[in-house]
Amino acid sequence: MFKFKKKYRSKLYMTKPSEEINENEYLEMSNHFKKLYDDLSEKNFSQDIKIMDLKKELITVYGFIRVIDNILDSLYEVPHEIVVLIEIIRGHLSNFIDKEIFKINNNSDYSVSV
């Protein structure tokens, strides 16, 4: 026999052995768990939206870094350190996006080493 002694919002649920619970208590308990499920589902949905927005922002930043890298290739008299830093950032972001966003598991490292 199970006894639930968990409080939720100062309400105690299912303190009697399961044979002694009436229909009203079952209904109350199921409503309680339905509300918990709905709250968690709503929180999960809002987190999924935030994750999607962050992925979009990360891909946008990667696009800007690629544009900057391409522009630096055609410019003269740009300090070498700046070019190397941009290439490192581009390689790192590319690996991260492939692994975390596109779910491509590639063990090789394409980043530029200095």
N, C-alpha and C. Protein backbone atom coordinates (compact mmCIF):
# COMPACT_ATOMS: atom_id res chain seq x y z
N MET A 1 0.84 -1.18 0.00
CA MET A 1 0.00 0.00 0.00
C MET A 1 0.88 1.24 0.00
N PHE A 2 0.50 2.20 -0.83
CA PHE A 2 1.28 3.42 -0.97
C PHE A 2 0.60 4.58 -0.26
N LYS A 3 1.42 5.44 0.27
CA LYS A 3 0.91 6.66 0.88
C LYS A 3 1.67 7.83 0.26
N PHE A 4 0.95 8.77 -0.28
CA PHE A 4 1.55 9.99 -0.82
C PHE A 4 1.44 11.07 0.25
N LYS A 5 2.55 11.62 0.61
CA LYS A 5 2.54 12.67 1.63
C LYS A 5 3.18 13.93 1.08
N LYS A 6 2.97 14.18 -0.18
CA LYS A 6 3.58 15.34 -0.81
C LYS A 6 2.61 16.50 -0.80
N LYS A 7 3.10 17.62 -0.34
CA LYS A 7 2.25 18.81 -0.30
C LYS A 7 2.44 19.61 -1.57
N TYR A 8 1.37 20.14 -2.05
CA TYR A 8 1.42 21.04 -3.19
C TYR A 8 0.48 22.20 -2.91
N ARG A 9 1.04 23.38 -2.79
CA ARG A 9 0.26 24.59 -2.48
C ARG A 9 -0.59 24.38 -1.24
N SER A 10 0.06 23.93 -0.21
CA SER A 10 -0.51 23.72 1.11
C SER A 10 -1.73 22.80 1.11
N LYS A 11 -1.77 21.85 0.19
CA LYS A 11 -2.85 20.87 0.16
C LYS A 11 -2.23 19.48 0.22
N LEU A 12 -2.75 18.64 1.07
CA LEU A 12 -2.21 17.31 1.23
C LEU A 12 -3.07 16.32 0.45
N TYR A 13 -2.42 15.50 -0.38
CA TYR A 13 -3.15 14.55 -1.22
C TYR A 13 -2.82 13.12 -0.83
N MET A 14 -3.80 12.31 -0.87
CA MET A 14 -3.70 10.86 -0.72
C MET A 14 -2.88 10.47 0.50
N THR A 15 -3.44 10.67 1.65
CA THR A 15 -2.76 10.26 2.88
C THR A 15 -3.29 8.93 3.40
N LYS A 16 -4.38 8.46 2.83
CA LYS A 16 -4.92 7.17 3.26
C LYS A 16 -4.40 6.07 2.35
N PRO A 17 -4.44 4.83 2.82
CA PRO A 17 -4.10 3.72 1.92
C PRO A 17 -5.05 3.71 0.72
N SER A 18 -4.58 3.20 -0.40
CA SER A 18 -5.33 3.31 -1.65
C SER A 18 -6.72 2.67 -1.61
N GLU A 19 -6.95 1.65 -0.77
CA GLU A 19 -8.27 1.04 -0.71
C GLU A 19 -9.31 1.98 -0.10
N GLU A 20 -8.90 2.93 0.68
CA GLU A 20 -9.84 3.78 1.39
C GLU A 20 -10.14 5.09 0.68
N ILE A 21 -9.62 5.30 -0.50
CA ILE A 21 -9.84 6.56 -1.21
C ILE A 21 -11.16 6.48 -1.97
N ASN A 22 -11.96 7.51 -1.82
CA ASN A 22 -13.24 7.51 -2.53
C ASN A 22 -13.09 8.17 -3.90
N GLU A 23 -14.15 8.19 -4.67
CA GLU A 23 -14.11 8.72 -6.03
C GLU A 23 -13.78 10.21 -6.06
N ASN A 24 -14.29 10.94 -5.12
CA ASN A 24 -14.03 12.38 -5.09
C ASN A 24 -12.55 12.66 -4.87
N GLU A 25 -11.94 11.91 -4.00
CA GLU A 25 -10.51 12.10 -3.76
C GLU A 25 -9.69 11.73 -5.00
N TYR A 26 -10.09 10.65 -5.69
CA TYR A 26 -9.42 10.30 -6.94
C TYR A 26 -9.57 11.41 -7.97
N LEU A 27 -10.75 11.96 -8.06
CA LEU A 27 -10.99 13.04 -9.01
C LEU A 27 -10.14 14.26 -8.65
N GLU A 28 -10.10 14.59 -7.38
CA GLU A 28 -9.31 15.73 -6.93
C GLU A 28 -7.82 15.49 -7.21
N MET A 29 -7.36 14.28 -6.94
CA MET A 29 -5.97 13.95 -7.19
C MET A 29 -5.65 13.98 -8.69
N SER A 30 -6.54 13.45 -9.51
CA SER A 30 -6.30 13.48 -10.96
C SER A 30 -6.32 14.91 -11.49
N ASN A 31 -7.18 15.75 -10.97
CA ASN A 31 -7.19 17.16 -11.38
C ASN A 31 -5.89 17.85 -10.97
N HIS A 32 -5.42 17.52 -9.81
CA HIS A 32 -4.16 18.08 -9.34
C HIS A 32 -3.01 17.69 -10.28
N PHE A 33 -2.92 16.40 -10.61
CA PHE A 33 -1.84 15.95 -11.49
C PHE A 33 -2.03 16.46 -12.91
N LYS A 34 -3.25 16.64 -13.35
CA LYS A 34 -3.49 17.23 -14.67
C LYS A 34 -3.00 18.66 -14.70
N LYS A 35 -3.24 19.40 -13.63
CA LYS A 35 -2.76 20.78 -13.56
C LYS A 35 -1.23 20.82 -13.55
N LEU A 36 -0.61 19.91 -12.79
CA LEU A 36 0.85 19.83 -12.79
C LEU A 36 1.38 19.53 -14.19
N TYR A 37 0.73 18.58 -14.86
CA TYR A 37 1.14 18.22 -16.23
C TYR A 37 0.97 19.40 -17.17
N ASP A 38 -0.14 20.09 -17.08
CA ASP A 38 -0.37 21.25 -17.94
C ASP A 38 0.65 22.36 -17.69
N ASP A 39 0.97 22.60 -16.41
CA ASP A 39 1.98 23.61 -16.08
C ASP A 39 3.34 23.24 -16.66
N LEU A 40 3.72 21.98 -16.52
CA LEU A 40 5.01 21.53 -17.06
C LEU A 40 5.01 21.57 -18.59
N SER A 41 3.91 21.22 -19.20
CA SER A 41 3.82 21.28 -20.66
C SER A 41 3.95 22.71 -21.16
N GLU A 42 3.30 23.63 -20.48
CA GLU A 42 3.40 25.03 -20.87
C GLU A 42 4.82 25.55 -20.69
N LYS A 43 5.45 25.18 -19.60
CA LYS A 43 6.83 25.61 -19.36
C LYS A 43 7.75 25.01 -20.42
N ASN A 44 7.55 23.74 -20.74
CA ASN A 44 8.36 23.06 -21.76
C ASN A 44 8.18 23.73 -23.12
N PHE A 45 6.95 24.08 -23.47
CA PHE A 45 6.67 24.73 -24.74
C PHE A 45 7.36 26.09 -24.81
N SER A 46 7.31 26.87 -23.73
CA SER A 46 7.96 28.19 -23.75
C SER A 46 9.48 28.04 -23.83
N GLN A 47 10.03 27.01 -23.21
CA GLN A 47 11.47 26.78 -23.32
C GLN A 47 11.85 26.36 -24.73
N ASP A 48 11.01 25.56 -25.39
CA ASP A 48 11.27 25.18 -26.78
C ASP A 48 11.27 26.40 -27.69
N ILE A 49 10.37 27.33 -27.45
CA ILE A 49 10.33 28.57 -28.24
C ILE A 49 11.62 29.37 -28.02
N LYS A 50 12.06 29.48 -26.77
CA LYS A 50 13.29 30.22 -26.48
C LYS A 50 14.50 29.56 -27.14
N ILE A 51 14.55 28.23 -27.09
CA ILE A 51 15.66 27.51 -27.72
C ILE A 51 15.66 27.74 -29.22
N MET A 52 14.49 27.73 -29.84
CA MET A 52 14.39 27.97 -31.28
C MET A 52 14.87 29.38 -31.61
N ASP A 53 14.49 30.37 -30.82
CA ASP A 53 14.94 31.75 -31.04
C ASP A 53 16.45 31.87 -30.88
N LEU A 54 17.01 31.20 -29.88
CA LEU A 54 18.46 31.24 -29.69
C LEU A 54 19.20 30.58 -30.85
N LYS A 55 18.66 29.49 -31.37
CA LYS A 55 19.27 28.85 -32.53
C LYS A 55 19.26 29.78 -33.74
N LYS A 56 18.15 30.48 -33.94
CA LYS A 56 18.08 31.43 -35.06
C LYS A 56 19.10 32.54 -34.90
N GLU A 57 19.24 33.06 -33.69
CA GLU A 57 20.22 34.12 -33.44
C GLU A 57 21.64 33.62 -33.67
N LEU A 58 21.93 32.40 -33.23
CA LEU A 58 23.26 31.83 -33.40
C LEU A 58 23.58 31.64 -34.89
N ILE A 59 22.62 31.17 -35.65
CA ILE A 59 22.83 31.00 -37.09
C ILE A 59 23.03 32.36 -37.76
N THR A 60 22.31 33.38 -37.31
CA THR A 60 22.48 34.73 -37.85
C THR A 60 23.88 35.26 -37.55
N VAL A 61 24.35 35.07 -36.33
CA VAL A 61 25.71 35.51 -35.98
C VAL A 61 26.74 34.77 -36.83
N TYR A 62 26.53 33.48 -37.03
CA TYR A 62 27.43 32.70 -37.88
C TYR A 62 27.45 33.27 -39.31
N GLY A 63 26.29 33.66 -39.82
CA GLY A 63 26.22 34.26 -41.15
C GLY A 63 27.02 35.56 -41.22
N PHE A 64 26.89 36.39 -40.19
CA PHE A 64 27.66 37.64 -40.16
C PHE A 64 29.16 37.37 -40.12
N ILE A 65 29.57 36.39 -39.33
CA ILE A 65 30.99 36.04 -39.24
C ILE A 65 31.50 35.55 -40.60
N ARG A 66 30.70 34.78 -41.30
CA ARG A 66 31.10 34.31 -42.63
C ARG A 66 31.26 35.47 -43.60
N VAL A 67 30.33 36.44 -43.53
CA VAL A 67 30.43 37.61 -44.40
C VAL A 67 31.69 38.41 -44.08
N ILE A 68 31.95 38.61 -42.80
CA ILE A 68 33.16 39.33 -42.40
C ILE A 68 34.41 38.59 -42.87
N ASP A 69 34.42 37.27 -42.74
CA ASP A 69 35.56 36.47 -43.19
C ASP A 69 35.77 36.63 -44.69
N ASN A 70 34.69 36.58 -45.46
CA ASN A 70 34.80 36.74 -46.91
C ASN A 70 35.28 38.15 -47.29
N ILE A 71 34.81 39.15 -46.58
CA ILE A 71 35.25 40.52 -46.86
C ILE A 71 36.73 40.68 -46.53
N LEU A 72 37.17 40.11 -45.42
CA LEU A 72 38.57 40.21 -45.02
C LEU A 72 39.50 39.54 -46.03
N ASP A 73 39.01 38.50 -46.70
CA ASP A 73 39.83 37.83 -47.72
C ASP A 73 40.16 38.76 -48.88
N SER A 74 39.26 39.68 -49.18
CA SER A 74 39.49 40.58 -50.32
C SER A 74 40.17 41.89 -49.94
N LEU A 75 40.31 42.16 -48.65
CA LEU A 75 40.94 43.40 -48.21
C LEU A 75 42.44 43.22 -48.02
N TYR A 76 43.17 44.30 -48.23
CA TYR A 76 44.60 44.31 -47.99
C TYR A 76 44.89 45.12 -46.73
N GLU A 77 46.04 44.90 -46.18
CA GLU A 77 46.51 45.62 -45.01
C GLU A 77 45.64 45.41 -43.76
N VAL A 78 45.01 44.27 -43.68
CA VAL A 78 44.28 43.91 -42.45
C VAL A 78 45.26 43.13 -41.59
N PRO A 79 45.36 43.50 -40.31
CA PRO A 79 46.30 42.77 -39.45
C PRO A 79 46.00 41.26 -39.44
N HIS A 80 47.06 40.50 -39.51
CA HIS A 80 46.94 39.03 -39.58
C HIS A 80 46.20 38.46 -38.37
N GLU A 81 46.40 39.06 -37.21
CA GLU A 81 45.76 38.56 -36.00
C GLU A 81 44.23 38.64 -36.10
N ILE A 82 43.73 39.71 -36.72
CA ILE A 82 42.28 39.86 -36.89
C ILE A 82 41.74 38.77 -37.81
N VAL A 83 42.45 38.52 -38.90
CA VAL A 83 42.02 37.48 -39.85
C VAL A 83 41.99 36.12 -39.16
N VAL A 84 43.03 35.83 -38.38
CA VAL A 84 43.10 34.54 -37.69
C VAL A 84 41.97 34.41 -36.67
N LEU A 85 41.70 35.48 -35.92
CA LEU A 85 40.61 35.43 -34.93
C LEU A 85 39.26 35.19 -35.59
N ILE A 86 39.01 35.86 -36.69
CA ILE A 86 37.74 35.65 -37.41
C ILE A 86 37.65 34.22 -37.93
N GLU A 87 38.74 33.67 -38.44
CA GLU A 87 38.73 32.29 -38.93
C GLU A 87 38.49 31.30 -37.79
N ILE A 88 39.07 31.57 -36.63
CA ILE A 88 38.87 30.70 -35.46
C ILE A 88 37.41 30.75 -35.01
N ILE A 89 36.87 31.96 -34.94
CA ILE A 89 35.46 32.10 -34.54
C ILE A 89 34.55 31.39 -35.53
N ARG A 90 34.83 31.57 -36.82
CA ARG A 90 34.00 30.92 -37.85
C ARG A 90 34.08 29.40 -37.73
N GLY A 91 35.28 28.86 -37.55
CA GLY A 91 35.43 27.41 -37.42
C GLY A 91 34.73 26.87 -36.18
N HIS A 92 34.89 27.58 -35.07
CA HIS A 92 34.26 27.14 -33.82
C HIS A 92 32.73 27.18 -33.94
N LEU A 93 32.21 28.28 -34.47
CA LEU A 93 30.75 28.37 -34.63
C LEU A 93 30.23 27.33 -35.61
N SER A 94 30.98 27.08 -36.66
CA SER A 94 30.56 26.07 -37.64
C SER A 94 30.46 24.70 -36.99
N ASN A 95 31.48 24.33 -36.21
CA ASN A 95 31.43 23.03 -35.52
C ASN A 95 30.27 22.96 -34.54
N PHE A 96 30.07 24.04 -33.78
CA PHE A 96 28.99 24.06 -32.79
C PHE A 96 27.62 23.95 -33.47
N ILE A 97 27.42 24.68 -34.54
CA ILE A 97 26.13 24.65 -35.25
C ILE A 97 25.89 23.27 -35.85
N ASP A 98 26.93 22.69 -36.46
CA ASP A 98 26.78 21.34 -37.02
C ASP A 98 26.40 20.33 -35.94
N LYS A 99 27.06 20.42 -34.79
CA LYS A 99 26.84 19.45 -33.72
C LYS A 99 25.53 19.67 -32.98
N GLU A 100 25.25 20.91 -32.57
CA GLU A 100 24.12 21.17 -31.68
C GLU A 100 22.82 21.52 -32.40
N ILE A 101 22.91 22.13 -33.56
CA ILE A 101 21.68 22.54 -34.25
C ILE A 101 21.29 21.54 -35.32
N PHE A 102 22.27 21.18 -36.18
CA PHE A 102 21.96 20.25 -37.27
C PHE A 102 22.18 18.79 -36.88
N LYS A 103 22.69 18.55 -35.67
CA LYS A 103 22.89 17.21 -35.12
C LYS A 103 23.79 16.35 -36.00
N ILE A 104 24.84 16.96 -36.55
CA ILE A 104 25.83 16.24 -37.34
C ILE A 104 26.98 15.89 -36.40
N ASN A 105 27.19 14.60 -36.18
CA ASN A 105 28.26 14.17 -35.28
C ASN A 105 29.48 13.82 -36.11
N ASN A 106 30.37 14.78 -36.23
CA ASN A 106 31.60 14.58 -36.97
C ASN A 106 32.75 14.77 -35.99
N ASN A 107 33.59 13.78 -35.85
CA ASN A 107 34.66 13.85 -34.86
C ASN A 107 35.85 14.70 -35.31
N SER A 108 35.93 15.01 -36.60
CA SER A 108 37.06 15.81 -37.05
C SER A 108 36.86 17.26 -36.66
N ASP A 109 37.98 17.94 -36.46
CA ASP A 109 37.95 19.33 -36.03
C ASP A 109 38.37 20.22 -37.18
N TYR A 110 37.46 21.09 -37.64
CA TYR A 110 37.75 21.97 -38.76
C TYR A 110 38.24 23.33 -38.33
N SER A 111 38.44 23.54 -37.06
CA SER A 111 38.85 24.86 -36.60
C SER A 111 40.29 25.14 -36.99
N VAL A 112 40.61 26.39 -37.09
CA VAL A 112 41.95 26.81 -37.48
C VAL A 112 42.82 26.85 -36.24
N SER A 113 43.99 26.24 -36.32
CA SER A 113 44.90 26.29 -35.18
C SER A 113 45.98 27.33 -35.45
N VAL A 114 46.36 28.02 -34.41
CA VAL A 114 47.34 29.10 -34.55
C VAL A 114 48.69 28.63 -34.12
